[in-house]
Amino acid sequence: MTESQPKPSRRGFVLGAATAGAAAAAVVALPQAQQAAVPAAQTKEPPARGGGYQLTDHVKQYYKTTRI
């Protein structure tokens, strides 16, 4: 047997797995970064004297999810 090649170590394996995980996370995050540049729908200006509660579709959907 030749001892010219070092034995693979756990530390090297963990380092390689961490690098691969970071690269995968970057690939997943890139398309979402481009979508974030799209402006959101304009919201209404809040009332001057308070009373800002509005029954929107989002609120209605939330209420549907809380029903038993």
N, C-alpha and C. Protein backbone atom coordinates (compact mmCIF):
# COMPACT_ATOMS: atom_id res chain seq x y z
N MET A 1 0.83 -1.18 0.00
CA MET A 1 0.00 0.00 0.00
C MET A 1 0.87 1.24 0.00
N THR A 2 0.47 2.20 -0.76
CA THR A 2 1.21 3.46 -0.76
C THR A 2 0.50 4.45 0.15
N GLU A 3 1.29 5.17 0.87
CA GLU A 3 0.76 6.16 1.81
C GLU A 3 0.82 7.57 1.23
N SER A 4 0.86 7.69 -0.09
CA SER A 4 0.98 9.01 -0.70
C SER A 4 -0.33 9.80 -0.62
N GLN A 5 -1.45 9.12 -0.56
CA GLN A 5 -2.73 9.81 -0.46
C GLN A 5 -3.22 9.76 0.98
N PRO A 6 -3.62 10.93 1.53
CA PRO A 6 -4.12 10.93 2.90
C PRO A 6 -5.50 10.28 2.99
N LYS A 7 -5.81 9.76 4.16
CA LYS A 7 -7.12 9.17 4.38
C LYS A 7 -8.18 10.27 4.40
N PRO A 8 -9.34 9.99 3.86
CA PRO A 8 -10.41 11.00 3.94
C PRO A 8 -10.82 11.20 5.40
N SER A 9 -11.05 12.42 5.77
CA SER A 9 -11.39 12.70 7.15
C SER A 9 -12.83 13.17 7.26
N ARG A 10 -13.39 13.05 8.44
CA ARG A 10 -14.75 13.53 8.67
C ARG A 10 -14.82 15.04 8.53
N ARG A 11 -13.77 15.72 8.95
CA ARG A 11 -13.76 17.18 8.87
C ARG A 11 -13.88 17.64 7.42
N GLY A 12 -13.17 16.99 6.53
CA GLY A 12 -13.25 17.33 5.11
C GLY A 12 -14.63 17.05 4.54
N PHE A 13 -15.22 15.95 4.97
CA PHE A 13 -16.56 15.61 4.51
C PHE A 13 -17.57 16.66 4.97
N VAL A 14 -17.50 17.04 6.24
CA VAL A 14 -18.44 18.03 6.79
C VAL A 14 -18.24 19.37 6.09
N LEU A 15 -16.99 19.75 5.85
CA LEU A 15 -16.72 21.00 5.17
C LEU A 15 -17.29 20.98 3.75
N GLY A 16 -17.13 19.87 3.06
CA GLY A 16 -17.68 19.75 1.71
C GLY A 16 -19.20 19.78 1.71
N ALA A 17 -19.82 19.14 2.69
CA ALA A 17 -21.28 19.14 2.78
C ALA A 17 -21.79 20.54 3.09
N ALA A 18 -21.11 21.28 3.94
CA ALA A 18 -21.51 22.65 4.27
C ALA A 18 -21.39 23.55 3.05
N THR A 19 -20.33 23.38 2.29
CA THR A 19 -20.14 24.17 1.08
C THR A 19 -21.23 23.88 0.07
N ALA A 20 -21.55 22.61 -0.11
CA ALA A 20 -22.61 22.23 -1.05
C ALA A 20 -23.97 22.77 -0.59
N GLY A 21 -24.22 22.75 0.70
CA GLY A 21 -25.47 23.29 1.22
C GLY A 21 -25.58 24.79 1.02
N ALA A 22 -24.50 25.50 1.24
CA ALA A 22 -24.50 26.95 1.03
C ALA A 22 -24.71 27.29 -0.45
N ALA A 23 -24.10 26.52 -1.32
CA ALA A 23 -24.28 26.76 -2.75
C ALA A 23 -25.73 26.48 -3.17
N ALA A 24 -26.32 25.44 -2.64
CA ALA A 24 -27.71 25.13 -2.96
C ALA A 24 -28.64 26.22 -2.45
N ALA A 25 -28.38 26.75 -1.27
CA ALA A 25 -29.21 27.82 -0.72
C ALA A 25 -29.09 29.08 -1.57
N ALA A 26 -27.90 29.37 -2.08
CA ALA A 26 -27.71 30.54 -2.93
C ALA A 26 -28.47 30.39 -4.24
N VAL A 27 -28.47 29.20 -4.81
CA VAL A 27 -29.17 28.96 -6.06
C VAL A 27 -30.68 29.12 -5.86
N VAL A 28 -31.18 28.67 -4.74
CA VAL A 28 -32.62 28.79 -4.46
C VAL A 28 -32.99 30.24 -4.22
N ALA A 29 -32.13 31.01 -3.58
CA ALA A 29 -32.44 32.39 -3.21
C ALA A 29 -32.35 33.35 -4.40
N LEU A 30 -31.57 33.05 -5.40
CA LEU A 30 -31.39 33.97 -6.52
C LEU A 30 -32.67 34.29 -7.27
N PRO A 31 -33.49 33.34 -7.68
CA PRO A 31 -34.72 33.70 -8.39
C PRO A 31 -35.66 34.55 -7.54
N GLN A 32 -35.69 34.34 -6.24
CA GLN A 32 -36.56 35.12 -5.38
C GLN A 32 -36.06 36.54 -5.25
N ALA A 33 -34.77 36.76 -5.33
CA ALA A 33 -34.23 38.12 -5.25
C ALA A 33 -34.67 38.93 -6.46
N GLN A 34 -34.78 38.31 -7.61
CA GLN A 34 -35.25 39.01 -8.79
C GLN A 34 -36.74 39.32 -8.68
N GLN A 35 -37.51 38.45 -8.09
CA GLN A 35 -38.94 38.69 -7.94
C GLN A 35 -39.22 39.80 -6.94
N ALA A 36 -38.34 40.02 -5.99
CA ALA A 36 -38.54 41.05 -4.98
C ALA A 36 -38.51 42.44 -5.61
N ALA A 37 -37.91 42.60 -6.76
CA ALA A 37 -37.82 43.89 -7.42
C ALA A 37 -39.17 44.33 -7.99
N VAL A 38 -40.11 43.41 -8.17
CA VAL A 38 -41.43 43.74 -8.69
C VAL A 38 -42.18 44.51 -7.61
N PRO A 39 -42.72 45.71 -7.94
CA PRO A 39 -43.42 46.49 -6.91
C PRO A 39 -44.70 45.80 -6.45
N ALA A 40 -44.97 45.94 -5.18
CA ALA A 40 -46.18 45.34 -4.61
C ALA A 40 -47.39 46.19 -4.98
N ALA A 41 -48.56 45.61 -4.84
CA ALA A 41 -49.80 46.35 -5.12
C ALA A 41 -49.90 47.54 -4.18
N GLN A 42 -50.37 48.64 -4.70
CA GLN A 42 -50.47 49.85 -3.88
C GLN A 42 -51.56 49.67 -2.83
N THR A 43 -51.25 50.10 -1.63
CA THR A 43 -52.21 50.01 -0.54
C THR A 43 -52.90 51.34 -0.34
N LYS A 44 -54.06 51.29 0.27
CA LYS A 44 -54.80 52.52 0.53
C LYS A 44 -54.15 53.28 1.67
N GLU A 45 -54.31 54.58 1.64
CA GLU A 45 -53.77 55.41 2.71
C GLU A 45 -54.61 55.21 3.96
N PRO A 46 -53.97 55.06 5.13
CA PRO A 46 -54.74 54.84 6.36
C PRO A 46 -55.60 56.07 6.71
N PRO A 47 -56.73 55.86 7.35
CA PRO A 47 -57.59 56.98 7.71
C PRO A 47 -56.87 57.94 8.67
N ALA A 48 -57.23 59.22 8.59
CA ALA A 48 -56.57 60.23 9.40
C ALA A 48 -56.92 60.11 10.87
N ARG A 49 -58.12 59.62 11.21
CA ARG A 49 -58.57 59.57 12.60
C ARG A 49 -58.61 58.14 13.13
N GLY A 50 -57.79 57.29 12.62
CA GLY A 50 -57.78 55.91 13.09
C GLY A 50 -58.87 55.09 12.43
N GLY A 51 -59.24 53.97 13.07
CA GLY A 51 -60.28 53.12 12.48
C GLY A 51 -59.79 52.44 11.23
N GLY A 52 -58.56 51.98 11.21
CA GLY A 52 -57.96 51.43 10.01
C GLY A 52 -58.31 49.98 9.72
N TYR A 53 -59.20 49.35 10.52
CA TYR A 53 -59.54 47.95 10.27
C TYR A 53 -60.39 47.85 9.02
N GLN A 54 -60.00 46.95 8.12
CA GLN A 54 -60.78 46.70 6.92
C GLN A 54 -60.89 45.20 6.71
N LEU A 55 -62.08 44.76 6.35
CA LEU A 55 -62.30 43.35 6.09
C LEU A 55 -61.90 43.06 4.65
N THR A 56 -60.64 42.68 4.47
CA THR A 56 -60.11 42.41 3.14
C THR A 56 -60.17 40.90 2.86
N ASP A 57 -59.84 40.55 1.63
CA ASP A 57 -59.81 39.12 1.26
C ASP A 57 -58.80 38.36 2.11
N HIS A 58 -57.69 39.01 2.42
CA HIS A 58 -56.66 38.37 3.24
C HIS A 58 -57.21 38.07 4.63
N VAL A 59 -57.93 39.00 5.22
CA VAL A 59 -58.50 38.81 6.55
C VAL A 59 -59.57 37.72 6.50
N LYS A 60 -60.40 37.73 5.47
CA LYS A 60 -61.44 36.70 5.33
C LYS A 60 -60.81 35.31 5.22
N GLN A 61 -59.71 35.19 4.48
CA GLN A 61 -59.02 33.92 4.35
C GLN A 61 -58.49 33.46 5.70
N TYR A 62 -57.97 34.39 6.48
CA TYR A 62 -57.48 34.03 7.81
C TYR A 62 -58.61 33.52 8.68
N TYR A 63 -59.74 34.19 8.65
CA TYR A 63 -60.89 33.76 9.46
C TYR A 63 -61.34 32.36 9.04
N LYS A 64 -61.29 32.05 7.76
CA LYS A 64 -61.67 30.72 7.29
C LYS A 64 -60.74 29.66 7.85
N THR A 65 -59.45 29.97 8.00
CA THR A 65 -58.50 28.99 8.50
C THR A 65 -58.64 28.75 10.01
N THR A 66 -59.29 29.68 10.71
CA THR A 66 -59.42 29.53 12.17
C THR A 66 -60.71 28.84 12.57
N ARG A 67 -61.59 28.58 11.64
CA ARG A 67 -62.84 27.89 11.97
C ARG A 67 -62.59 26.44 12.32
N ILE A 68 -63.38 25.96 13.23
CA ILE A 68 -63.24 24.55 13.65
C ILE A 68 -64.22 23.69 12.90
